Amino acid sequence: MSNKLSAFELDEMNATDLEAKLREAKEELFNLRFQAATGQLESHGRLRTVKKDIARIYTVVRERELGIRSTPGASTKEEASA
């Protein structure tokens, strides 16, 4: 998985892609926590990065629900109707 997701990368994704990315991140977090519990985790920083990625995804999803952030391709539709 990529090191860190940027807000710009998340802006370019549609809802389906965000769901898939969230699912991957949650699965990775589970695996990292399991490794930490068994003493096999080598990179503790990765645990923190994945948590922040999950929070970033949830933020983008919520902002889209509230209309703060637009979904990809929605800006052209809004401009046409205005």
PDB file of N, CA and C in Angstrom:
ATOM      1  N   MET A   1       0.845  -1.186   0.000  1.00  0.00           N
ATOM      2  CA  MET A   1       0.000   0.000   0.000  1.00  0.00           C
ATOM      3  C   MET A   1       0.879   1.234   0.000  1.00  0.00           C
ATOM      4  N   SER A   2       0.348   2.343  -0.495  1.00  0.00           N
ATOM      5  CA  SER A   2       1.119   3.573  -0.565  1.00  0.00           C
ATOM      6  C   SER A   2       1.443   4.076   0.838  1.00  0.00           C
ATOM      7  N   ASN A   3       2.471   4.898   0.923  1.00  0.00           N
ATOM      8  CA  ASN A   3       2.923   5.393   2.213  1.00  0.00           C
ATOM      9  C   ASN A   3       1.912   6.302   2.885  1.00  0.00           C
ATOM     10  N   LYS A   4       1.423   7.292   2.129  1.00  0.00           N
ATOM     11  CA  LYS A   4       0.511   8.261   2.722  1.00  0.00           C
ATOM     12  C   LYS A   4      -0.436   8.777   1.653  1.00  0.00           C
ATOM     13  N   LEU A   5      -1.694   8.869   1.985  1.00  0.00           N
ATOM     14  CA  LEU A   5      -2.680   9.411   1.064  1.00  0.00           C
ATOM     15  C   LEU A   5      -2.771  10.914   1.263  1.00  0.00           C
ATOM     16  N   SER A   6      -2.750  11.660   0.181  1.00  0.00           N
ATOM     17  CA  SER A   6      -2.915  13.107   0.307  1.00  0.00           C
ATOM     18  C   SER A   6      -4.384  13.457   0.094  1.00  0.00           C
ATOM     19  N   ALA A   7      -4.774  14.603   0.583  1.00  0.00           N
ATOM     20  CA  ALA A   7      -6.152  15.053   0.409  1.00  0.00           C
ATOM     21  C   ALA A   7      -6.458  15.244  -1.073  1.00  0.00           C
ATOM     22  N   PHE A   8      -5.451  15.659  -1.837  1.00  0.00           N
ATOM     23  CA  PHE A   8      -5.651  15.848  -3.276  1.00  0.00           C
ATOM     24  C   PHE A   8      -5.961  14.513  -3.955  1.00  0.00           C
ATOM     25  N   GLU A   9      -5.245  13.458  -3.582  1.00  0.00           N
ATOM     26  CA  GLU A   9      -5.514  12.125  -4.141  1.00  0.00           C
ATOM     27  C   GLU A   9      -6.938  11.682  -3.808  1.00  0.00           C
ATOM     28  N   LEU A  10      -7.364  11.943  -2.586  1.00  0.00           N
ATOM     29  CA  LEU A  10      -8.707  11.550  -2.163  1.00  0.00           C
ATOM     30  C   LEU A  10      -9.772  12.365  -2.881  1.00  0.00           C
ATOM     31  N   ASP A  11      -9.481  13.631  -3.181  1.00  0.00           N
ATOM     32  CA  ASP A  11     -10.424  14.476  -3.913  1.00  0.00           C
ATOM     33  C   ASP A  11     -10.717  13.920  -5.291  1.00  0.00           C
ATOM     34  N   GLU A  12      -9.731  13.278  -5.896  1.00  0.00           N
ATOM     35  CA  GLU A  12      -9.873  12.762  -7.254  1.00  0.00           C
ATOM     36  C   GLU A  12     -10.655  11.448  -7.309  1.00  0.00           C
ATOM     37  N   MET A  13     -10.884  10.817  -6.165  1.00  0.00           N
ATOM     38  CA  MET A  13     -11.558   9.513  -6.128  1.00  0.00           C
ATOM     39  C   MET A  13     -13.068   9.668  -6.019  1.00  0.00           C
ATOM     40  N   ASN A  14     -13.787   8.731  -6.629  1.00  0.00           N
ATOM     41  CA  ASN A  14     -15.240   8.719  -6.461  1.00  0.00           C
ATOM     42  C   ASN A  14     -15.584   7.918  -5.197  1.00  0.00           C
ATOM     43  N   ALA A  15     -16.854   7.838  -4.871  1.00  0.00           N
ATOM     44  CA  ALA A  15     -17.280   7.194  -3.629  1.00  0.00           C
ATOM     45  C   ALA A  15     -16.888   5.716  -3.575  1.00  0.00           C
ATOM     46  N   THR A  16     -16.964   5.028  -4.696  1.00  0.00           N
ATOM     47  CA  THR A  16     -16.614   3.607  -4.738  1.00  0.00           C
ATOM     48  C   THR A  16     -15.136   3.403  -4.454  1.00  0.00           C
ATOM     49  N   ASP A  17     -14.302   4.256  -5.057  1.00  0.00           N
ATOM     50  CA  ASP A  17     -12.858   4.159  -4.828  1.00  0.00           C
ATOM     51  C   ASP A  17     -12.511   4.463  -3.370  1.00  0.00           C
ATOM     52  N   LEU A  18     -13.207   5.446  -2.795  1.00  0.00           N
ATOM     53  CA  LEU A  18     -12.957   5.777  -1.391  1.00  0.00           C
ATOM     54  C   LEU A  18     -13.322   4.613  -0.477  1.00  0.00           C
ATOM     55  N   GLU A  19     -14.445   3.961  -0.772  1.00  0.00           N
ATOM     56  CA  GLU A  19     -14.844   2.793   0.022  1.00  0.00           C
ATOM     57  C   GLU A  19     -13.799   1.699  -0.055  1.00  0.00           C
ATOM     58  N   ALA A  20     -13.288   1.451  -1.260  1.00  0.00           N
ATOM     59  CA  ALA A  20     -12.273   0.418  -1.443  1.00  0.00           C
ATOM     60  C   ALA A  20     -10.998   0.783  -0.695  1.00  0.00           C
ATOM     61  N   LYS A  21     -10.586   2.046  -0.777  1.00  0.00           N
ATOM     62  CA  LYS A  21      -9.375   2.505  -0.098  1.00  0.00           C
ATOM     63  C   LYS A  21      -9.547   2.412   1.418  1.00  0.00           C
ATOM     64  N   LEU A  22     -10.746   2.736   1.905  1.00  0.00           N
ATOM     65  CA  LEU A  22     -11.029   2.644   3.333  1.00  0.00           C
ATOM     66  C   LEU A  22     -10.965   1.194   3.797  1.00  0.00           C
ATOM     67  N   ARG A  23     -11.535   0.297   3.008  1.00  0.00           N
ATOM     68  CA  ARG A  23     -11.511  -1.125   3.338  1.00  0.00           C
ATOM     69  C   ARG A  23     -10.069  -1.643   3.412  1.00  0.00           C
ATOM     70  N   GLU A  24      -9.242  -1.240   2.428  1.00  0.00           N
ATOM     71  CA  GLU A  24      -7.836  -1.655   2.419  1.00  0.00           C
ATOM     72  C   GLU A  24      -7.098  -1.124   3.647  1.00  0.00           C
ATOM     73  N   ALA A  25      -7.347   0.138   3.975  1.00  0.00           N
ATOM     74  CA  ALA A  25      -6.657   0.754   5.103  1.00  0.00           C
ATOM     75  C   ALA A  25      -7.062   0.092   6.422  1.00  0.00           C
ATOM     76  N   LYS A  26      -8.341  -0.219   6.564  1.00  0.00           N
ATOM     77  CA  LYS A  26      -8.804  -0.874   7.789  1.00  0.00           C
ATOM     78  C   LYS A  26      -8.209  -2.277   7.917  1.00  0.00           C
ATOM     79  N   GLU A  27      -8.114  -2.963   6.790  1.00  0.00           N
ATOM     80  CA  GLU A  27      -7.515  -4.303   6.802  1.00  0.00           C
ATOM     81  C   GLU A  27      -6.037  -4.217   7.182  1.00  0.00           C
ATOM     82  N   GLU A  28      -5.343  -3.237   6.619  1.00  0.00           N
ATOM     83  CA  GLU A  28      -3.930  -3.062   6.956  1.00  0.00           C
ATOM     84  C   GLU A  28      -3.762  -2.702   8.429  1.00  0.00           C
ATOM     85  N   LEU A  29      -4.643  -1.841   8.944  1.00  0.00           N
ATOM     86  CA  LEU A  29      -4.583  -1.468  10.355  1.00  0.00           C
ATOM     87  C   LEU A  29      -4.773  -2.690  11.239  1.00  0.00           C
ATOM     88  N   PHE A  30      -5.718  -3.547  10.887  1.00  0.00           N
ATOM     89  CA  PHE A  30      -5.938  -4.777  11.642  1.00  0.00           C
ATOM     90  C   PHE A  30      -4.671  -5.628  11.657  1.00  0.00           C
ATOM     91  N   ASN A  31      -4.067  -5.792  10.480  1.00  0.00           N
ATOM     92  CA  ASN A  31      -2.852  -6.602  10.392  1.00  0.00           C
ATOM     93  C   ASN A  31      -1.704  -5.989  11.194  1.00  0.00           C
ATOM     94  N   LEU A  32      -1.579  -4.663  11.129  1.00  0.00           N
ATOM     95  CA  LEU A  32      -0.516  -3.997  11.883  1.00  0.00           C
ATOM     96  C   LEU A  32      -0.736  -4.141  13.389  1.00  0.00           C
ATOM     97  N   ARG A  33      -1.980  -4.019  13.824  1.00  0.00           N
ATOM     98  CA  ARG A  33      -2.278  -4.185  15.252  1.00  0.00           C
ATOM     99  C   ARG A  33      -1.989  -5.615  15.700  1.00  0.00           C
ATOM    100  N   PHE A  34      -2.307  -6.568  14.842  1.00  0.00           N
ATOM    101  CA  PHE A  34      -2.032  -7.968  15.150  1.00  0.00           C
ATOM    102  C   PHE A  34      -0.526  -8.185  15.280  1.00  0.00           C
ATOM    103  N   GLN A  35       0.239  -7.614  14.360  1.00  0.00           N
ATOM    104  CA  GLN A  35       1.701  -7.736  14.426  1.00  0.00           C
ATOM    105  C   GLN A  35       2.247  -7.075  15.684  1.00  0.00           C
ATOM    106  N   ALA A  36       1.675  -5.939  16.064  1.00  0.00           N
ATOM    107  CA  ALA A  36       2.128  -5.241  17.269  1.00  0.00           C
ATOM    108  C   ALA A  36       1.857  -6.080  18.513  1.00  0.00           C
ATOM    109  N   ALA A  37       0.706  -6.734  18.538  1.00  0.00           N
ATOM    110  CA  ALA A  37       0.333  -7.545  19.692  1.00  0.00           C
ATOM    111  C   ALA A  37       1.223  -8.778  19.830  1.00  0.00           C
ATOM    112  N   THR A  38       1.693  -9.294  18.707  1.00  0.00           N
ATOM    113  CA  THR A  38       2.526 -10.494  18.749  1.00  0.00           C
ATOM    114  C   THR A  38       4.018 -10.165  18.751  1.00  0.00           C
ATOM    115  N   GLY A  39       4.352  -8.874  18.754  1.00  0.00           N
ATOM    116  CA  GLY A  39       5.743  -8.467  18.804  1.00  0.00           C
ATOM    117  C   GLY A  39       6.477  -8.554  17.479  1.00  0.00           C
ATOM    118  N   GLN A  40       5.759  -8.649  16.374  1.00  0.00           N
ATOM    119  CA  GLN A  40       6.388  -8.787  15.068  1.00  0.00           C
ATOM    120  C   GLN A  40       6.431  -7.477  14.284  1.00  0.00           C
ATOM    121  N   LEU A  41       5.856  -6.411  14.831  1.00  0.00           N
ATOM    122  CA  LEU A  41       5.780  -5.145  14.113  1.00  0.00           C
ATOM    123  C   LEU A  41       7.141  -4.455  14.093  1.00  0.00           C
ATOM    124  N   GLU A  42       7.612  -4.145  12.897  1.00  0.00           N
ATOM    125  CA  GLU A  42       8.905  -3.489  12.755  1.00  0.00           C
ATOM    126  C   GLU A  42       8.757  -1.979  12.640  1.00  0.00           C
ATOM    127  N   SER A  43       7.701  -1.526  11.965  1.00  0.00           N
ATOM    128  CA  SER A  43       7.525  -0.101  11.721  1.00  0.00           C
ATOM    129  C   SER A  43       6.302   0.416  12.479  1.00  0.00           C
ATOM    130  N   HIS A  44       6.540   0.969  13.660  1.00  0.00           N
ATOM    131  CA  HIS A  44       5.430   1.501  14.455  1.00  0.00           C
ATOM    132  C   HIS A  44       4.875   2.783  13.846  1.00  0.00           C
ATOM    133  N   GLY A  45       5.679   3.480  13.075  1.00  0.00           N
ATOM    134  CA  GLY A  45       5.224   4.696  12.413  1.00  0.00           C
ATOM    135  C   GLY A  45       4.156   4.413  11.381  1.00  0.00           C
ATOM    136  N   ARG A  46       4.212   3.241  10.782  1.00  0.00           N
ATOM    137  CA  ARG A  46       3.222   2.860   9.771  1.00  0.00           C
ATOM    138  C   ARG A  46       1.831   2.752  10.396  1.00  0.00           C
ATOM    139  N   LEU A  47       1.769   2.294  11.628  1.00  0.00           N
ATOM    140  CA  LEU A  47       0.499   2.188  12.351  1.00  0.00           C
ATOM    141  C   LEU A  47      -0.158   3.562  12.450  1.00  0.00           C
ATOM    142  N   ARG A  48       0.621   4.550  12.810  1.00  0.00           N
ATOM    143  CA  ARG A  48       0.114   5.922  12.939  1.00  0.00           C
ATOM    144  C   ARG A  48      -0.317   6.487  11.587  1.00  0.00           C
ATOM    145  N   THR A  49       0.471   6.214  10.548  1.00  0.00           N
ATOM    146  CA  THR A  49       0.161   6.712   9.209  1.00  0.00           C
ATOM    147  C   THR A  49      -1.154   6.134   8.695  1.00  0.00           C
ATOM    148  N   VAL A  50      -1.372   4.848   8.924  1.00  0.00           N
ATOM    149  CA  VAL A  50      -2.603   4.201   8.455  1.00  0.00           C
ATOM    150  C   VAL A  50      -3.813   4.767   9.199  1.00  0.00           C
ATOM    151  N   LYS A  51      -3.677   5.009  10.488  1.00  0.00           N
ATOM    152  CA  LYS A  51      -4.773   5.612  11.250  1.00  0.00           C
ATOM    153  C   LYS A  51      -5.132   6.985  10.691  1.00  0.00           C
ATOM    154  N   LYS A  52      -4.112   7.773  10.367  1.00  0.00           N
ATOM    155  CA  LYS A  52      -4.360   9.103   9.822  1.00  0.00           C
ATOM    156  C   LYS A  52      -4.990   9.025   8.438  1.00  0.00           C
ATOM    157  N   ASP A  53      -4.576   8.040   7.637  1.00  0.00           N
ATOM    158  CA  ASP A  53      -5.183   7.843   6.321  1.00  0.00           C
ATOM    159  C   ASP A  53      -6.673   7.531   6.451  1.00  0.00           C
ATOM    160  N   ILE A  54      -7.009   6.685   7.405  1.00  0.00           N
ATOM    161  CA  ILE A  54      -8.417   6.332   7.633  1.00  0.00           C
ATOM    162  C   ILE A  54      -9.203   7.582   8.035  1.00  0.00           C
ATOM    163  N   ALA A  55      -8.653   8.369   8.929  1.00  0.00           N
ATOM    164  CA  ALA A  55      -9.323   9.606   9.359  1.00  0.00           C
ATOM    165  C   ALA A  55      -9.488  10.568   8.190  1.00  0.00           C
ATOM    166  N   ARG A  56      -8.475  10.649   7.327  1.00  0.00           N
ATOM    167  CA  ARG A  56      -8.523  11.534   6.163  1.00  0.00           C
ATOM    168  C   ARG A  56      -9.649  11.095   5.219  1.00  0.00           C
ATOM    169  N   ILE A  57      -9.791   9.786   5.014  1.00  0.00           N
ATOM    170  CA  ILE A  57     -10.854   9.269   4.140  1.00  0.00           C
ATOM    171  C   ILE A  57     -12.224   9.601   4.721  1.00  0.00           C
ATOM    172  N   TYR A  58     -12.387   9.348   6.033  1.00  0.00           N
ATOM    173  CA  TYR A  58     -13.660   9.650   6.677  1.00  0.00           C
ATOM    174  C   TYR A  58     -13.989  11.150   6.574  1.00  0.00           C
ATOM    175  N   THR A  59     -12.984  11.995   6.680  1.00  0.00           N
ATOM    176  CA  THR A  59     -13.196  13.437   6.584  1.00  0.00           C
ATOM    177  C   THR A  59     -13.694  13.825   5.201  1.00  0.00           C
ATOM    178  N   VAL A  60     -13.067  13.278   4.163  1.00  0.00           N
ATOM    179  CA  VAL A  60     -13.485  13.586   2.794  1.00  0.00           C
ATOM    180  C   VAL A  60     -14.919  13.121   2.555  1.00  0.00           C
ATOM    181  N   VAL A  61     -15.252  11.914   3.018  1.00  0.00           N
ATOM    182  CA  VAL A  61     -16.607  11.387   2.843  1.00  0.00           C
ATOM    183  C   VAL A  61     -17.623  12.285   3.544  1.00  0.00           C
ATOM    184  N   ARG A  62     -17.327  12.688   4.769  1.00  0.00           N
ATOM    185  CA  ARG A  62     -18.255  13.531   5.538  1.00  0.00           C
ATOM    186  C   ARG A  62     -18.399  14.915   4.921  1.00  0.00           C
ATOM    187  N   GLU A  63     -17.295  15.493   4.458  1.00  0.00           N
ATOM    188  CA  GLU A  63     -17.374  16.808   3.837  1.00  0.00           C
ATOM    189  C   GLU A  63     -18.195  16.762   2.555  1.00  0.00           C
ATOM    190  N   ARG A  64     -18.126  15.668   1.838  1.00  0.00           N
ATOM    191  CA  ARG A  64     -18.959  15.526   0.637  1.00  0.00           C
ATOM    192  C   ARG A  64     -20.428  15.434   1.014  1.00  0.00           C
ATOM    193  N   GLU A  65     -20.726  14.718   2.106  1.00  0.00           N
ATOM    194  CA  GLU A  65     -22.118  14.614   2.569  1.00  0.00           C
ATOM    195  C   GLU A  65     -22.664  15.997   2.935  1.00  0.00           C
ATOM    196  N   LEU A  66     -21.833  16.817   3.544  1.00  0.00           N
ATOM    197  CA  LEU A  66     -22.269  18.141   3.983  1.00  0.00           C
ATOM    198  C   LEU A  66     -22.218  19.184   2.879  1.00  0.00           C
ATOM    199  N   GLY A  67     -21.645  18.818   1.751  1.00  0.00           N
ATOM    200  CA  GLY A  67     -21.556  19.746   0.640  1.00  0.00           C
ATOM    201  C   GLY A  67     -20.371  20.686   0.724  1.00  0.00           C
ATOM    202  N   ILE A  68     -19.455  20.438   1.636  1.00  0.00           N
ATOM    203  CA  ILE A  68     -18.270  21.278   1.785  1.00  0.00           C
ATOM    204  C   ILE A  68     -17.273  20.979   0.672  1.00  0.00           C
ATOM    205  N   ARG A  69     -17.138  19.723   0.364  1.00  0.00           N
ATOM    206  CA  ARG A  69     -16.201  19.273  -0.661  1.00  0.00           C
ATOM    207  C   ARG A  69     -17.004  18.662  -1.792  1.00  0.00           C
ATOM    208  N   SER A  70     -16.645  18.990  -3.030  1.00  0.00           N
ATOM    209  CA  SER A  70     -17.412  18.473  -4.162  1.00  0.00           C
ATOM    210  C   SER A  70     -16.861  17.128  -4.619  1.00  0.00           C
ATOM    211  N   THR A  71     -17.731  16.326  -5.183  1.00  0.00           N
ATOM    212  CA  THR A  71     -17.315  15.041  -5.728  1.00  0.00           C
ATOM    213  C   THR A  71     -16.671  15.267  -7.085  1.00  0.00           C
ATOM    214  N   PRO A  72     -15.817  14.357  -7.529  1.00  0.00           N
ATOM    215  CA  PRO A  72     -15.151  14.537  -8.828  1.00  0.00           C
ATOM    216  C   PRO A  72     -16.160  14.636  -9.962  1.00  0.00           C
ATOM    217  N   GLY A  73     -15.999  15.627 -10.808  1.00  0.00           N
ATOM    218  CA  GLY A  73     -16.897  15.813 -11.954  1.00  0.00           C
ATOM    219  C   GLY A  73     -18.155  16.602 -11.632  1.00  0.00           C
ATOM    220  N   ALA A  74     -18.406  16.880 -10.370  1.00  0.00           N
ATOM    221  CA  ALA A  74     -19.633  17.597  -9.989  1.00  0.00           C
ATOM    222  C   ALA A  74     -19.521  19.080 -10.292  1.00  0.00           C
ATOM    223  N   SER A  75     -18.323  19.628 -10.300  1.00  0.00           N
ATOM    224  CA  SER A  75     -18.164  21.070 -10.513  1.00  0.00           C
ATOM    225  C   SER A  75     -18.637  21.501 -11.894  1.00  0.00           C
ATOM    226  N   THR A  76     -18.458  20.650 -12.909  1.00  0.00           N
ATOM    227  CA  THR A  76     -18.889  21.015 -14.256  1.00  0.00           C
ATOM    228  C   THR A  76     -20.412  21.037 -14.345  1.00  0.00           C
ATOM    229  N   LYS A  77     -21.078  20.158 -13.631  1.00  0.00           N
ATOM    230  CA  LYS A  77     -22.536  20.125 -13.631  1.00  0.00           C
ATOM    231  C   LYS A  77     -23.092  21.372 -12.932  1.00  0.00           C
ATOM    232  N   GLU A  78     -22.455  21.762 -11.827  1.00  0.00           N
ATOM    233  CA  GLU A  78     -22.923  22.933 -11.091  1.00  0.00           C
ATOM    234  C   GLU A  78     -22.739  24.195 -11.906  1.00  0.00           C
ATOM    235  N   GLU A  79     -21.623  24.306 -12.611  1.00  0.00           N
ATOM    236  CA  GLU A  79     -21.344  25.490 -13.414  1.00  0.00           C
ATOM    237  C   GLU A  79     -22.324  25.595 -14.580  1.00  0.00           C
ATOM    238  N   ALA A  80     -22.713  24.466 -15.149  1.00  0.00           N
ATOM    239  CA  ALA A  80     -23.624  24.452 -16.282  1.00  0.00           C
ATOM    240  C   ALA A  80     -25.031  24.900 -15.868  1.00  0.00           C
ATOM    241  N   SER A  81     -25.447  24.538 -14.659  1.00  0.00           N
ATOM    242  CA  SER A  81     -26.789  24.890 -14.197  1.00  0.00           C
ATOM    243  C   SER A  81     -26.862  26.318 -13.678  1.00  0.00           C
ATOM    244  N   ALA A  82     -25.744  26.912 -13.342  1.00  0.00           N
ATOM    245  CA  ALA A  82     -25.728  28.270 -12.768  1.00  0.00           C
ATOM    246  C   ALA A  82     -25.915  29.359 -13.775  1.00  0.00           C
TER     247      ALA A  82
END
